[in-house]
C-alpha atoms as a PDB file:
ATOM      1  CA  MET A   1      13.471 -66.147  11.282  1.00  0.00           C
ATOM      2  CA  PRO A   2      15.392 -69.517  11.726  1.00  0.00           C
ATOM      3  CA  THR A   3      16.627 -69.505  14.963  1.00  0.00           C
ATOM      4  CA  PRO A   4      20.674 -69.262  14.037  1.00  0.00           C
ATOM      5  CA  PRO A   5      22.588 -72.948  15.386  1.00  0.00           C
ATOM      6  CA  ASN A   6      25.183 -72.861  17.609  1.00  0.00           C
ATOM      7  CA  GLN A   7      27.864 -73.331  15.693  1.00  0.00           C
ATOM      8  CA  PHE A   8      27.137 -70.374  13.342  1.00  0.00           C
ATOM      9  CA  LEU A   9      27.429 -68.515  15.836  1.00  0.00           C
ATOM     10  CA  SER A  10      30.478 -66.855  16.987  1.00  0.00           C
ATOM     11  CA  PRO A  11      32.041 -67.468  21.078  1.00  0.00           C
ATOM     12  CA  GLN A  12      31.114 -64.138  22.386  1.00  0.00           C
ATOM     13  CA  LEU A  13      27.512 -64.025  21.441  1.00  0.00           C
ATOM     14  CA  ILE A  14      27.210 -67.809  22.929  1.00  0.00           C
ATOM     15  CA  GLY A  15      28.899 -66.539  26.386  1.00  0.00           C
ATOM     16  CA  THR A  16      31.807 -69.388  25.856  1.00  0.00           C
ATOM     17  CA  ASP A  17      35.692 -68.673  25.286  1.00  0.00           C
ATOM     18  CA  SER A  18      36.613 -71.658  22.915  1.00  0.00           C
ATOM     19  CA  GLU A  19      36.921 -69.890  20.091  1.00  0.00           C
ATOM     20  CA  PRO A  20      38.664 -66.700  18.959  1.00  0.00           C
ATOM     21  CA  ALA A  21      36.588 -63.902  18.651  1.00  0.00           C
ATOM     22  CA  SER A  22      37.803 -63.149  14.798  1.00  0.00           C
ATOM     23  CA  THR A  23      35.328 -66.381  13.725  1.00  0.00           C
ATOM     24  CA  GLU A  24      32.283 -63.871  14.489  1.00  0.00           C
ATOM     25  CA  TYR A  25      32.265 -62.707  10.717  1.00  0.00           C
ATOM     26  CA  GLN A  26      32.997 -65.933   8.955  1.00  0.00           C
ATOM     27  CA  PHE A  27      29.662 -67.865  11.444  1.00  0.00           C
ATOM     28  CA  LEU A  28      27.345 -64.804  10.910  1.00  0.00           C
ATOM     29  CA  GLU A  29      27.876 -65.005   7.071  1.00  0.00           C
ATOM     30  CA  ALA A  30      27.843 -68.644   6.548  1.00  0.00           C
ATOM     31  CA  TRP A  31      24.550 -68.198   8.660  1.00  0.00           C
ATOM     32  CA  LEU A  32      22.746 -65.005   7.091  1.00  0.00           C
ATOM     33  CA  ALA A  33      23.929 -67.060   3.230  1.00  0.00           C
ATOM     34  CA  SER A  34      21.645 -70.327   4.814  1.00  0.00           C
ATOM     35  CA  LEU A  35      18.326 -67.977   5.020  1.00  0.00           C
ATOM     36  CA  PRO A  36      15.333 -68.521   3.259  1.00  0.00           C
ATOM     37  CA  ARG A  37      15.734 -66.150  -0.443  1.00  0.00           C
ATOM     38  CA  SER A  38      11.107 -65.488   0.904  1.00  0.00           C
ATOM     39  CA  LEU A  39      13.192 -63.049   2.836  1.00  0.00           C
ATOM     40  CA  GLY A  40      14.075 -60.320   0.656  1.00  0.00           C
ATOM     41  CA  SER A  41      17.304 -60.759   1.230  1.00  0.00           C
ATOM     42  CA  PRO A  42      19.342 -61.820  -1.723  1.00  0.00           C
ATOM     43  CA  GLY A  43      22.933 -63.257   1.011  1.00  0.00           C
ATOM     44  CA  TYR A  44      24.485 -60.965   2.878  1.00  0.00           C
ATOM     45  CA  SER A  45      27.252 -58.595   2.401  1.00  0.00           C
ATOM     46  CA  PRO A  46      28.995 -56.142   4.254  1.00  0.00           C
ATOM     47  CA  ALA A  47      28.903 -52.784   3.896  1.00  0.00           C
ATOM     48  CA  PRO A  48      30.517 -50.958   2.028  1.00  0.00           C
ATOM     49  CA  SER A  49      32.947 -48.872   4.224  1.00  0.00           C
ATOM     50  CA  ILE A  50      32.921 -44.920   4.338  1.00  0.00           C
ATOM     51  CA  GLN A  51      35.209 -42.589   4.447  1.00  0.00           C
ATOM     52  CA  PRO A  52      35.367 -39.414   6.243  1.00  0.00           C
ATOM     53  CA  ARG A  53      34.681 -36.164   3.954  1.00  0.00           C
ATOM     54  CA  ASP A  54      36.580 -32.928   3.725  1.00  0.00           C
ATOM     55  CA  THR A  55      34.317 -31.576   5.599  1.00  0.00           C
ATOM     56  CA  GLN A  56      35.851 -28.189   5.168  1.00  0.00           C
ATOM     57  CA  GLN A  57      33.988 -28.029   1.694  1.00  0.00           C
ATOM     58  CA  PHE A  58      30.410 -28.031   3.227  1.00  0.00           C
ATOM     59  CA  LEU A  59      31.506 -25.265   4.965  1.00  0.00           C
ATOM     60  CA  SER A  60      32.963 -22.829   2.034  1.00  0.00           C
ATOM     61  CA  VAL A  61      30.333 -20.265   1.356  1.00  0.00           C
ATOM     62  CA  GLN A  62      30.179 -19.661  -2.599  1.00  0.00           C
ATOM     63  CA  PRO A  63      29.631 -16.704  -4.625  1.00  0.00           C
ATOM     64  CA  PHE A  64      25.349 -16.457  -5.152  1.00  0.00           C
ATOM     65  CA  LEU A  65      26.655 -15.856  -9.035  1.00  0.00           C
ATOM     66  CA  SER A  66      29.526 -17.892 -10.021  1.00  0.00           C
ATOM     67  CA  THR A  67      32.254 -16.364 -12.879  1.00  0.00           C
ATOM     68  CA  ARG A  68      32.721 -19.770 -14.357  1.00  0.00           C
ATOM     69  CA  LEU A  69      29.163 -20.018 -14.552  1.00  0.00           C
ATOM     70  CA  PHE A  70      27.276 -17.895 -15.468  1.00  0.00           C
ATOM     71  CA  LEU A  71      29.724 -14.949 -16.951  1.00  0.00           C
ATOM     72  CA  ASP A  72      33.104 -15.490 -19.181  1.00  0.00           C
ATOM     73  CA  GLN A  73      36.920 -15.818 -17.245  1.00  0.00           C
ATOM     74  CA  SER A  74      37.636 -12.465 -18.374  1.00  0.00           C
ATOM     75  CA  ALA A  75      34.164 -10.490 -17.947  1.00  0.00           C
ATOM     76  CA  PRO A  76      34.378  -8.764 -14.324  1.00  0.00           C
ATOM     77  CA  ALA A  77      33.081  -9.907 -10.869  1.00  0.00           C
ATOM     78  CA  LEU A  78      29.765  -9.439 -10.825  1.00  0.00           C
ATOM     79  CA  ILE A  79      28.488  -7.384  -6.813  1.00  0.00           C
ATOM     80  CA  MET A  80      25.228  -7.978  -5.688  1.00  0.00           C
ATOM     81  CA  THR A  81      25.204  -4.502  -3.646  1.00  0.00           C
ATOM     82  CA  PRO A  82      21.762  -2.967  -2.036  1.00  0.00           C
ATOM     83  CA  GLU A  83      23.227   0.329  -3.863  1.00  0.00           C
ATOM     84  CA  SER A  84      23.362  -1.646  -7.066  1.00  0.00           C
ATOM     85  CA  LEU A  85      20.027  -3.361  -6.329  1.00  0.00           C
ATOM     86  CA  ARG A  86      18.269   0.357  -5.486  1.00  0.00           C
ATOM     87  CA  LEU A  87      16.508   2.854  -8.219  1.00  0.00           C
ATOM     88  CA  PRO A  88      16.914   6.611  -8.441  1.00  0.00           C
ATOM     89  CA  VAL A  89      14.408   8.344  -6.977  1.00  0.00           C
ATOM     90  CA  ASP A  90      13.255  10.591 -10.058  1.00  0.00           C
ATOM     91  CA  SER A  91      12.272   6.899 -12.128  1.00  0.00           C
ATOM     92  CA  LEU A  92      10.455   4.914  -9.669  1.00  0.00           C
ATOM     93  CA  SER A  93       8.021   8.373  -9.247  1.00  0.00           C
ATOM     94  CA  VAL A  94       8.295   8.407 -13.099  1.00  0.00           C
ATOM     95  CA  TYR A  95       7.024   4.371 -13.860  1.00  0.00           C
ATOM     96  CA  SER A  96       4.431   4.148 -10.810  1.00  0.00           C
ATOM     97  CA  GLU A  97       2.496   7.042 -12.093  1.00  0.00           C
ATOM     98  CA  GLN A  98       2.426   5.491 -15.291  1.00  0.00           C
ATOM     99  CA  PRO A  99      -0.348   3.382 -16.828  1.00  0.00           C
ATOM    100  CA  PHE A 100       0.276  -0.657 -16.877  1.00  0.00           C
ATOM    101  CA  GLY A 101       2.210  -1.447 -20.330  1.00  0.00           C
ATOM    102  CA  MET A 102       2.787   1.994 -21.025  1.00  0.00           C
ATOM    103  CA  ALA A 103       6.009   3.892 -22.150  1.00  0.00           C
ATOM    104  CA  PRO A 104       6.662   7.059 -19.901  1.00  0.00           C
ATOM    105  CA  GLU A 105       7.241   8.948 -22.697  1.00  0.00           C
ATOM    106  CA  GLN A 106       3.656   7.528 -24.052  1.00  0.00           C
ATOM    107  CA  CYS A 107       1.590   8.118 -20.434  1.00  0.00           C
ATOM    108  CA  PRO A 108      -0.494  11.039 -20.634  1.00  0.00           C
ATOM    109  CA  SER A 109       0.330  14.341 -18.395  1.00  0.00           C
ATOM    110  CA  LYS A 110      -2.466  15.008 -15.730  1.00  0.00           C
ATOM    111  CA  PRO A 111      -3.569  18.124 -14.129  1.00  0.00           C
ATOM    112  CA  ALA A 112      -2.841  18.744 -11.425  1.00  0.00           C
ATOM    113  CA  SER A 113      -6.344  19.443  -9.800  1.00  0.00           C
ATOM    114  CA  SER A 114      -9.673  19.504 -11.775  1.00  0.00           C
ATOM    115  CA  ASN A 115     -13.273  18.568 -10.840  1.00  0.00           C
ATOM    116  CA  ASN A 116     -15.410  15.353 -13.102  1.00  0.00           C
ATOM    117  CA  ASN A 117     -15.900  18.234 -15.972  1.00  0.00           C
ATOM    118  CA  GLY A 118     -12.543  18.719 -16.300  1.00  0.00           C
ATOM    119  CA  GLU A 119     -12.037  22.336 -15.392  1.00  0.00           C
ATOM    120  CA  LYS A 120      -9.831  22.814 -12.745  1.00  0.00           C
ATOM    121  CA  ARG A 121     -10.950  23.772  -9.443  1.00  0.00           C
ATOM    122  CA  HIS A 122     -10.511  27.650  -8.246  1.00  0.00           C
ATOM    123  CA  ARG A 123     -10.766  28.952  -4.986  1.00  0.00           C
ATOM    124  CA  LEU A 124     -12.147  31.954  -4.746  1.00  0.00           C
ATOM    125  CA  THR A 125     -10.593  35.030  -3.277  1.00  0.00           C
ATOM    126  CA  THR A 126     -11.673  37.961  -0.543  1.00  0.00           C
ATOM    127  CA  ALA A 127     -12.384  40.315  -3.348  1.00  0.00           C
ATOM    128  CA  GLU A 128     -15.022  37.316  -5.376  1.00  0.00           C
ATOM    129  CA  LYS A 129     -15.820  36.383  -1.501  1.00  0.00           C
ATOM    130  CA  ARG A 130     -16.594  40.142  -1.051  1.00  0.00           C
ATOM    131  CA  GLN A 131     -18.540  40.520  -4.357  1.00  0.00           C
ATOM    132  CA  LEU A 132     -20.351  37.229  -3.528  1.00  0.00           C
ATOM    133  CA  TYR A 133     -22.206  38.328   0.320  1.00  0.00           C
ATOM    134  CA  GLN A 134     -22.971  41.836  -1.271  1.00  0.00           C
ATOM    135  CA  TRP A 135     -25.348  40.830  -3.677  1.00  0.00           C
ATOM    136  CA  LEU A 136     -26.877  38.498  -0.973  1.00  0.00           C
ATOM    137  CA  VAL A 137     -27.436  41.471   1.196  1.00  0.00           C
ATOM    138  CA  LYS A 138     -28.802  43.510  -1.377  1.00  0.00           C
ATOM    139  CA  HIS A 139     -31.429  40.683  -2.068  1.00  0.00           C
ATOM    140  CA  ILE A 140     -31.973  38.910   1.260  1.00  0.00           C
ATOM    141  CA  ASP A 141     -35.290  38.540   0.640  1.00  0.00           C
ATOM    142  CA  ASN A 142     -34.614  36.329  -2.743  1.00  0.00           C
ATOM    143  CA  PRO A 143     -31.470  35.112  -3.031  1.00  0.00           C
ATOM    144  CA  TYR A 144     -31.514  33.141  -6.323  1.00  0.00           C
ATOM    145  CA  PRO A 145     -29.605  34.837  -8.851  1.00  0.00           C
ATOM    146  CA  SER A 146     -30.320  35.036 -11.766  1.00  0.00           C
ATOM    147  CA  GLU A 147     -27.978  33.906 -15.216  1.00  0.00           C
ATOM    148  CA  THR A 148     -27.895  38.050 -15.476  1.00  0.00           C
ATOM    149  CA  ASP A 149     -27.188  38.793 -11.870  1.00  0.00           C
ATOM    150  CA  ARG A 150     -24.270  36.460 -12.450  1.00  0.00           C
ATOM    151  CA  THR A 151     -22.386  38.370 -15.403  1.00  0.00           C
ATOM    152  CA  LYS A 152     -22.797  41.851 -14.097  1.00  0.00           C
ATOM    153  CA  LEU A 153     -20.531  40.424 -11.106  1.00  0.00           C
ATOM    154  CA  ASN A 154     -18.172  39.526 -13.778  1.00  0.00           C
ATOM    155  CA  LEU A 155     -16.472  36.645 -11.439  1.00  0.00           C
ATOM    156  CA  ASN A 156     -13.202  34.300 -12.266  1.00  0.00           C
ATOM    157  CA  ILE A 157     -16.355  31.714 -11.547  1.00  0.00           C
ATOM    158  CA  SER A 158     -17.982  28.575 -13.626  1.00  0.00           C
ATOM    159  CA  LYS A 159     -21.837  28.859 -13.720  1.00  0.00           C
ATOM    160  CA  GLN A 160     -21.921  25.355 -11.718  1.00  0.00           C
ATOM    161  CA  LYS A 161     -19.775  26.967  -8.526  1.00  0.00           C
ATOM    162  CA  PHE A 162     -22.009  30.080  -8.013  1.00  0.00           C
ATOM    163  CA  LYS A 163     -24.645  28.089  -8.169  1.00  0.00           C
ATOM    164  CA  TRP A 164     -23.797  25.338  -5.479  1.00  0.00           C
ATOM    165  CA  TRP A 165     -21.572  28.651  -3.660  1.00  0.00           C
ATOM    166  CA  PHE A 166     -25.684  30.415  -3.396  1.00  0.00           C
ATOM    167  CA  SER A 167     -26.953  26.999  -2.873  1.00  0.00           C
ATOM    168  CA  ASN A 168     -24.460  26.332   0.078  1.00  0.00           C
ATOM    169  CA  HIS A 169     -24.658  29.954   1.611  1.00  0.00           C
ATOM    170  CA  ARG A 170     -29.097  29.612   1.824  1.00  0.00           C
ATOM    171  CA  HIS A 171     -28.825  27.134   3.823  1.00  0.00           C
ATOM    172  CA  ARG A 172     -26.305  27.577   5.985  1.00  0.00           C
ATOM    173  CA  SER A 173     -26.624  31.025   6.795  1.00  0.00           C
ATOM    174  CA  LEU A 174     -29.997  31.409   6.074  1.00  0.00           C
ATOM    175  CA  ARG A 175     -33.367  31.554   8.406  1.00  0.00           C
ATOM    176  CA  ILE A 176     -36.424  30.271   6.480  1.00  0.00           C
ATOM    177  CA  THR A 177     -39.518  32.215   7.581  1.00  0.00           C
ATOM    178  CA  THR A 178     -42.768  32.691   7.292  1.00  0.00           C
ATOM    179  CA  VAL A 179     -44.965  35.962   7.465  1.00  0.00           C
ATOM    180  CA  ASN A 180     -48.334  35.851   6.228  1.00  0.00           C
ATOM    181  CA  GLY A 181     -48.059  32.630   3.888  1.00  0.00           C
ATOM    182  CA  ARG A 182     -44.584  35.111   2.329  1.00  0.00           C
ATOM    183  CA  LYS A 183     -41.461  33.037   3.150  1.00  0.00           C
ATOM    184  CA  ARG A 184     -38.517  35.168   3.944  1.00  0.00           C
ATOM    185  CA  PHE A 185     -35.601  34.667   4.412  1.00  0.00           C
ATOM    186  CA  GLU A 186     -33.591  36.059   7.389  1.00  0.00           C
ATOM    187  CA  PRO A 187     -29.244  36.445   8.663  1.00  0.00           C
ATOM    188  CA  ARG A 188     -27.677  34.032  11.260  1.00  0.00           C
ATOM    189  CA  LEU A 189     -24.770  34.625  13.161  1.00  0.00           C
ATOM    190  CA  GLN A 190     -22.578  33.553  11.285  1.00  0.00           C
ATOM    191  CA  PHE A 191     -23.352  35.003   8.304  1.00  0.00           C
ATOM    192  CA  TYR A 192     -22.947  38.626   9.983  1.00  0.00           C
ATOM    193  CA  LYS A 193     -19.978  37.808  11.131  1.00  0.00           C
ATOM    194  CA  ALA A 194     -18.662  37.172   7.544  1.00  0.00           C
ATOM    195  CA  CYS A 195     -19.413  39.881   6.988  1.00  0.00           C
ATOM    196  CA  LEU A 196     -18.102  41.606   9.137  1.00  0.00           C
ATOM    197  CA  ARG A 197     -14.997  40.488   8.374  1.00  0.00           C
ATOM    198  CA  LEU A 198     -14.976  40.985   4.667  1.00  0.00           C
ATOM    199  CA  ASN A 199     -16.217  45.155   5.652  1.00  0.00           C
ATOM    200  CA  VAL A 200     -19.283  44.155   3.511  1.00  0.00           C
ATOM    201  CA  HIS A 201     -22.148  47.139   4.305  1.00  0.00           C
ATOM    202  CA  ILE A 202     -25.513  45.678   5.645  1.00  0.00           C
ATOM    203  CA  ASP A 203     -27.904  47.666   5.100  1.00  0.00           C
ATOM    204  CA  TRP A 204     -31.497  46.486   6.826  1.00  0.00           C
ATOM    205  CA  ASP A 205     -32.016  46.779  11.090  1.00  0.00           C
ATOM    206  CA  ILE A 206     -30.031  43.264  13.581  1.00  0.00           C
ATOM    207  CA  PRO A 207     -32.030  41.973  15.695  1.00  0.00           C
ATOM    208  CA  GLN A 208     -30.843  43.307  19.241  1.00  0.00           C
ATOM    209  CA  ASP A 209     -29.670  40.018  20.440  1.00  0.00           C
ATOM    210  CA  ILE A 210     -27.863  39.106  17.679  1.00  0.00           C
ATOM    211  CA  LYS A 211     -26.129  43.020  18.210  1.00  0.00           C
ATOM    212  CA  ALA A 212     -25.649  42.459  21.405  1.00  0.00           C
ATOM    213  CA  LYS A 213     -23.434  38.792  20.388  1.00  0.00           C
ATOM    214  CA  LEU A 214     -21.590  40.977  17.691  1.00  0.00           C
ATOM    215  CA  LYS A 215     -20.144  43.209  20.216  1.00  0.00           C
ATOM    216  CA  SER A 216     -18.855  40.368  22.282  1.00  0.00           C
ATOM    217  CA  LEU A 217     -17.079  38.625  19.968  1.00  0.00           C
END
């Protein structure tokens, strides 16, 4: 950039007091106008004055939804409150349990509790447990009930649950021993405790060590 000549500079820029300060911008404008076009500036022009705006209009809080933009002038204003956004608990529970894309009236009702076969779960009562333990006591040497035995017991449980009960108690409550090559089931302490709790009569000889443990209960 070329150095501005002294005759185009104001007296304040060159350090003299020979010219008044009012001619400073006139010299500067003349020097800027003499610059070559390659500098990318078409010439100097004073910046327009920016009038200060009223800052109160920017500080004022406007409503989130204005009735002048979205609603008619005669319509009431829409007020967004936490109460208006909260749905009833009943409606939330209905829509949370239905499949996607189905109305509440089209949603199939689910059973309260069921197994994989669609049957309702049944908890054994004390009377039903007593019948099962009584059968197990009488057939302690061969605790494998047949279909005829299940029919005679006449319990309100499924066939699968009936098999599971005996399968579990054969492993949990009985001890398998072999006498002369023959498998024998001997009751454990937990099995005796269950029989005593349910008032099931035990019609075989109880070993002495188990009798001592039962007396200490």
